């Protein structure tokens, strides 16, 4: 697993996300561990490095 820090787009708290390096392109939704609002993640991994990472607000 790769450790990647990001800022929640809802509460602006810095958090740690563990990224699976065996999947080159990933898209998933998880709730923020601090404020519990949903976040949509887009991740691109290459050679055990995070190439692209975004954490976006999901409109409700």
Protein backbone atom coordinates (compact mmCIF):
# COMPACT_ATOMS: atom_id res chain seq x y z
CA UNK A 1 0.00 0.00 0.00
CA UNK A 2 1.11 3.55 -0.75
CA UNK A 3 0.50 6.31 1.79
CA UNK A 4 -0.86 9.53 0.27
CA UNK A 5 -1.94 12.64 2.19
CA UNK A 6 -4.81 14.77 0.94
CA UNK A 7 -7.06 17.57 2.16
CA UNK A 8 -10.80 16.92 2.55
CA UNK A 9 -12.73 19.19 0.15
CA UNK A 10 -15.47 19.59 2.79
CA UNK A 11 -13.73 20.25 6.12
CA UNK A 12 -10.18 21.00 4.88
CA UNK A 13 -8.59 18.53 7.32
CA UNK A 14 -5.42 16.81 6.10
CA UNK A 15 -5.84 13.04 6.06
CA UNK A 16 -4.02 9.89 5.02
CA UNK A 17 -5.35 7.58 2.30
CA UNK A 18 -3.81 4.17 1.62
CA UNK A 19 -3.67 3.47 -2.12
CA UNK A 20 -3.45 -0.01 -3.62
CA UNK A 21 -0.54 0.06 -6.13
CA UNK A 22 -1.77 -3.07 -7.96
CA UNK A 23 -4.61 -1.11 -9.64
CA UNK A 24 -3.21 1.51 -12.10
CA UNK A 25 -6.40 3.64 -12.39
CA UNK A 26 -8.87 3.87 -9.53
CA UNK A 27 -12.14 5.64 -8.87
CA UNK A 28 -14.04 5.21 -5.62
CA UNK A 29 -16.24 7.01 -3.09
CA UNK A 30 -15.57 7.08 0.65
CA UNK A 31 -16.79 9.22 3.53
CA UNK A 32 -14.40 11.67 5.15
CA UNK A 33 -13.07 10.23 8.42
CA UNK A 34 -13.48 13.63 10.12
CA UNK A 35 -16.72 15.21 8.84
CA UNK A 36 -18.37 12.08 7.30
CA UNK A 37 -19.22 13.80 3.99
CA UNK A 38 -18.75 11.72 0.82
CA UNK A 39 -15.63 12.25 -1.29
CA UNK A 40 -15.02 10.93 -4.79
CA UNK A 41 -11.42 9.85 -5.34
CA UNK A 42 -9.58 9.48 -8.65
CA UNK A 43 -6.13 7.92 -8.43
CA UNK A 44 -3.51 6.95 -11.02
CA UNK A 45 -0.58 4.79 -9.91
CA UNK A 46 2.56 3.92 -11.90
CA UNK A 47 5.54 1.92 -10.64
CA UNK A 48 4.43 2.09 -7.01
CA UNK A 49 4.08 5.89 -7.13
CA UNK A 50 0.95 8.02 -7.11
CA UNK A 51 1.00 9.94 -10.41
CA UNK A 52 -2.36 11.67 -10.05
CA UNK A 53 -4.70 12.03 -7.05
CA UNK A 54 -7.88 14.03 -6.68
CA UNK A 55 -10.48 14.18 -3.91
CA UNK A 56 -13.66 15.91 -5.10
CA UNK A 57 -16.95 16.98 -3.49
CA UNK A 58 -19.99 14.92 -4.44
CA UNK A 59 -23.12 17.00 -4.83
CA UNK A 60 -25.99 15.80 -2.67
